[in-house]
Amino acid sequence: MDEEKRRQVEIIGRNIKALIDANGMTNRDLASALGLQESSVGKWINGLNAPSMGTLQKVAAYFKVRLGDITSDHPPQTFADPNRRYLLDRIDRASAMDLAKLRRMVELIEDEHDRRD
């Protein structure tokens, strides 16, 4: 396995582990929910193998996260924070106009914080 593929497999495993932990589950629980062998989940988490694209989609659907949440290198606390998950979900579904409004709201909040400092 080349270095980039190995890194991606590790990221996916780490993120799946974070999802399992954030939801108070075990590897066995996830495997059972998806109709898989517990050893498959263990291999993902240990960075030995990655799930197929179809299985990744099932994992994302099961945890109600985006596929990118599993494949991206980001802090795992994203999964544990329900406010962050809610906002990310809404951003994914927002129109361009709504995103522009949201950006302006964030800028106003940042300006307020800057004035306080």
C-alpha atoms as a PDB file:
ATOM      1  CA  MET A   1       0.000   0.000   0.000  1.00  0.00           C
ATOM      2  CA  ASP A   2       1.494   3.350  -0.991  1.00  0.00           C
ATOM      3  CA  GLU A   3       1.914   6.136   1.558  1.00  0.00           C
ATOM      4  CA  GLU A   4      -1.111   8.214   0.479  1.00  0.00           C
ATOM      5  CA  LYS A   5      -3.444   5.211   0.477  1.00  0.00           C
ATOM      6  CA  ARG A   6      -2.138   4.117   3.878  1.00  0.00           C
ATOM      7  CA  ARG A   7      -2.771   7.627   5.229  1.00  0.00           C
ATOM      8  CA  GLN A   8      -6.349   7.646   3.859  1.00  0.00           C
ATOM      9  CA  VAL A   9      -7.042   4.199   5.353  1.00  0.00           C
ATOM     10  CA  GLU A  10      -5.799   5.466   8.737  1.00  0.00           C
ATOM     11  CA  ILE A  11      -7.974   8.607   8.523  1.00  0.00           C
ATOM     12  CA  ILE A  12     -11.068   6.566   7.702  1.00  0.00           C
ATOM     13  CA  GLY A  13     -10.355   4.158  10.548  1.00  0.00           C
ATOM     14  CA  ARG A  14      -9.768   6.957  13.039  1.00  0.00           C
ATOM     15  CA  ASN A  15     -13.000   8.693  12.009  1.00  0.00           C
ATOM     16  CA  ILE A  16     -15.073   5.519  12.203  1.00  0.00           C
ATOM     17  CA  LYS A  17     -13.616   4.865  15.655  1.00  0.00           C
ATOM     18  CA  ALA A  18     -14.558   8.426  16.677  1.00  0.00           C
ATOM     19  CA  LEU A  19     -18.123   7.846  15.464  1.00  0.00           C
ATOM     20  CA  ILE A  20     -18.360   4.582  17.376  1.00  0.00           C
ATOM     21  CA  ASP A  21     -17.039   6.220  20.554  1.00  0.00           C
ATOM     22  CA  ALA A  22     -19.190   9.353  20.202  1.00  0.00           C
ATOM     23  CA  ASN A  23     -22.273   7.165  19.991  1.00  0.00           C
ATOM     24  CA  GLY A  24     -21.349   4.926  22.934  1.00  0.00           C
ATOM     25  CA  MET A  25     -21.022   1.884  20.706  1.00  0.00           C
ATOM     26  CA  THR A  26     -18.593  -0.981  20.219  1.00  0.00           C
ATOM     27  CA  ASN A  27     -17.103  -2.379  17.036  1.00  0.00           C
ATOM     28  CA  ARG A  28     -19.473  -5.309  17.453  1.00  0.00           C
ATOM     29  CA  ASP A  29     -22.479  -2.957  17.632  1.00  0.00           C
ATOM     30  CA  LEU A  30     -21.560  -1.288  14.346  1.00  0.00           C
ATOM     31  CA  ALA A  31     -20.800  -4.574  12.641  1.00  0.00           C
ATOM     32  CA  SER A  32     -24.138  -5.988  13.762  1.00  0.00           C
ATOM     33  CA  ALA A  33     -26.039  -2.879  12.635  1.00  0.00           C
ATOM     34  CA  LEU A  34     -24.482  -3.104   9.171  1.00  0.00           C
ATOM     35  CA  GLY A  35     -24.604  -6.891   8.850  1.00  0.00           C
ATOM     36  CA  LEU A  36     -20.811  -7.238   8.799  1.00  0.00           C
ATOM     37  CA  GLN A  37     -18.160  -9.214  10.607  1.00  0.00           C
ATOM     38  CA  GLU A  38     -16.761  -7.547  13.725  1.00  0.00           C
ATOM     39  CA  SER A  39     -13.276  -8.299  12.383  1.00  0.00           C
ATOM     40  CA  SER A  40     -13.966  -6.070   9.365  1.00  0.00           C
ATOM     41  CA  VAL A  41     -14.677  -3.093  11.612  1.00  0.00           C
ATOM     42  CA  GLY A  42     -11.566  -3.921  13.634  1.00  0.00           C
ATOM     43  CA  LYS A  43      -9.426  -3.886  10.489  1.00  0.00           C
ATOM     44  CA  TRP A  44     -10.784  -0.456   9.523  1.00  0.00           C
ATOM     45  CA  ILE A  45     -10.104   0.996  12.957  1.00  0.00           C
ATOM     46  CA  ASN A  46      -6.605  -0.457  13.070  1.00  0.00           C
ATOM     47  CA  GLY A  47      -5.793   0.984   9.648  1.00  0.00           C
ATOM     48  CA  LEU A  48      -5.314  -2.418   8.041  1.00  0.00           C
ATOM     49  CA  ASN A  49      -8.087  -2.077   5.483  1.00  0.00           C
ATOM     50  CA  ALA A  50     -10.746   0.413   4.427  1.00  0.00           C
ATOM     51  CA  PRO A  51     -14.408  -0.304   3.756  1.00  0.00           C
ATOM     52  CA  SER A  52     -15.683  -0.275   0.196  1.00  0.00           C
ATOM     53  CA  MET A  53     -17.407   2.862  -1.060  1.00  0.00           C
ATOM     54  CA  GLY A  54     -20.783   1.186  -0.651  1.00  0.00           C
ATOM     55  CA  THR A  55     -20.002   0.258   2.945  1.00  0.00           C
ATOM     56  CA  LEU A  56     -18.687   3.760   3.647  1.00  0.00           C
ATOM     57  CA  GLN A  57     -22.012   5.118   2.436  1.00  0.00           C
ATOM     58  CA  LYS A  58     -23.838   2.732   4.775  1.00  0.00           C
ATOM     59  CA  VAL A  59     -21.655   3.845   7.697  1.00  0.00           C
ATOM     60  CA  ALA A  60     -22.341   7.502   6.891  1.00  0.00           C
ATOM     61  CA  ALA A  61     -26.079   6.881   6.618  1.00  0.00           C
ATOM     62  CA  TYR A  62     -26.117   4.881   9.852  1.00  0.00           C
ATOM     63  CA  PHE A  63     -24.438   7.680  11.816  1.00  0.00           C
ATOM     64  CA  LYS A  64     -26.254  10.425   9.881  1.00  0.00           C
ATOM     65  CA  VAL A  65     -23.036  12.107   8.792  1.00  0.00           C
ATOM     66  CA  ARG A  66     -21.660  13.100   5.420  1.00  0.00           C
ATOM     67  CA  LEU A  67     -19.352  10.745   3.584  1.00  0.00           C
ATOM     68  CA  GLY A  68     -16.740  13.502   3.758  1.00  0.00           C
ATOM     69  CA  ASP A  69     -16.949  13.422   7.552  1.00  0.00           C
ATOM     70  CA  ILE A  70     -15.562   9.904   7.412  1.00  0.00           C
ATOM     71  CA  THR A  71     -12.976  10.409   4.682  1.00  0.00           C
ATOM     72  CA  SER A  72     -11.667  13.863   5.685  1.00  0.00           C
ATOM     73  CA  ASP A  73      -8.801  14.503   8.050  1.00  0.00           C
ATOM     74  CA  HIS A  74     -10.518  16.607  10.707  1.00  0.00           C
ATOM     75  CA  PRO A  75     -10.775  16.512  14.478  1.00  0.00           C
ATOM     76  CA  PRO A  76     -13.004  13.668  15.664  1.00  0.00           C
ATOM     77  CA  GLN A  77     -14.766  15.895  18.208  1.00  0.00           C
ATOM     78  CA  THR A  78     -16.891  17.059  15.264  1.00  0.00           C
ATOM     79  CA  PHE A  79     -18.919  13.889  15.727  1.00  0.00           C
ATOM     80  CA  ALA A  80     -19.440  14.285  19.456  1.00  0.00           C
ATOM     81  CA  ASP A  81     -20.731  17.865  19.303  1.00  0.00           C
ATOM     82  CA  PRO A  82     -24.422  17.774  18.340  1.00  0.00           C
ATOM     83  CA  ASN A  83     -24.459  21.518  17.635  1.00  0.00           C
ATOM     84  CA  ARG A  84     -21.620  21.181  15.167  1.00  0.00           C
ATOM     85  CA  ARG A  85     -23.282  18.180  13.494  1.00  0.00           C
ATOM     86  CA  TYR A  86     -26.570  20.094  13.240  1.00  0.00           C
ATOM     87  CA  LEU A  87     -24.899  23.143  11.690  1.00  0.00           C
ATOM     88  CA  LEU A  88     -22.825  21.111   9.238  1.00  0.00           C
ATOM     89  CA  ASP A  89     -25.946  19.280   8.117  1.00  0.00           C
ATOM     90  CA  ARG A  90     -27.816  22.551   7.566  1.00  0.00           C
ATOM     91  CA  ILE A  91     -24.876  24.102   5.712  1.00  0.00           C
ATOM     92  CA  ASP A  92     -24.791  21.131   3.354  1.00  0.00           C
ATOM     93  CA  ARG A  93     -28.433  21.749   2.464  1.00  0.00           C
ATOM     94  CA  ALA A  94     -28.316  25.559   2.318  1.00  0.00           C
ATOM     95  CA  SER A  95     -28.812  27.581  -0.843  1.00  0.00           C
ATOM     96  CA  ALA A  96     -26.104  29.959  -2.085  1.00  0.00           C
ATOM     97  CA  MET A  97     -28.156  32.898  -0.802  1.00  0.00           C
ATOM     98  CA  ASP A  98     -28.514  31.337   2.633  1.00  0.00           C
ATOM     99  CA  LEU A  99     -24.787  30.610   2.745  1.00  0.00           C
ATOM    100  CA  ALA A 100     -24.055  34.267   1.974  1.00  0.00           C
ATOM    101  CA  LYS A 101     -26.392  35.325   4.811  1.00  0.00           C
ATOM    102  CA  LEU A 102     -24.737  32.852   7.167  1.00  0.00           C
ATOM    103  CA  ARG A 103     -21.300  34.144   6.252  1.00  0.00           C
ATOM    104  CA  ARG A 104     -22.406  37.689   7.034  1.00  0.00           C
ATOM    105  CA  MET A 105     -23.791  36.561  10.407  1.00  0.00           C
ATOM    106  CA  VAL A 106     -20.484  34.882  11.252  1.00  0.00           C
ATOM    107  CA  GLU A 107     -18.603  38.038  10.270  1.00  0.00           C
ATOM    108  CA  LEU A 108     -20.834  40.101  12.577  1.00  0.00           C
ATOM    109  CA  ILE A 109     -20.167  37.680  15.455  1.00  0.00           C
ATOM    110  CA  GLU A 110     -16.431  37.843  14.801  1.00  0.00           C
ATOM    111  CA  ASP A 111     -16.547  41.661  14.724  1.00  0.00           C
ATOM    112  CA  GLU A 112     -18.350  41.651  18.075  1.00  0.00           C
ATOM    113  CA  HIS A 113     -15.682  39.369  19.569  1.00  0.00           C
ATOM    114  CA  ASP A 114     -12.922  41.605  18.192  1.00  0.00           C
ATOM    115  CA  ARG A 115     -14.517  44.677  19.832  1.00  0.00           C
ATOM    116  CA  ARG A 116     -14.607  42.864  23.187  1.00  0.00           C
ATOM    117  CA  ASP A 117     -10.912  41.989  23.011  1.00  0.00           C
END
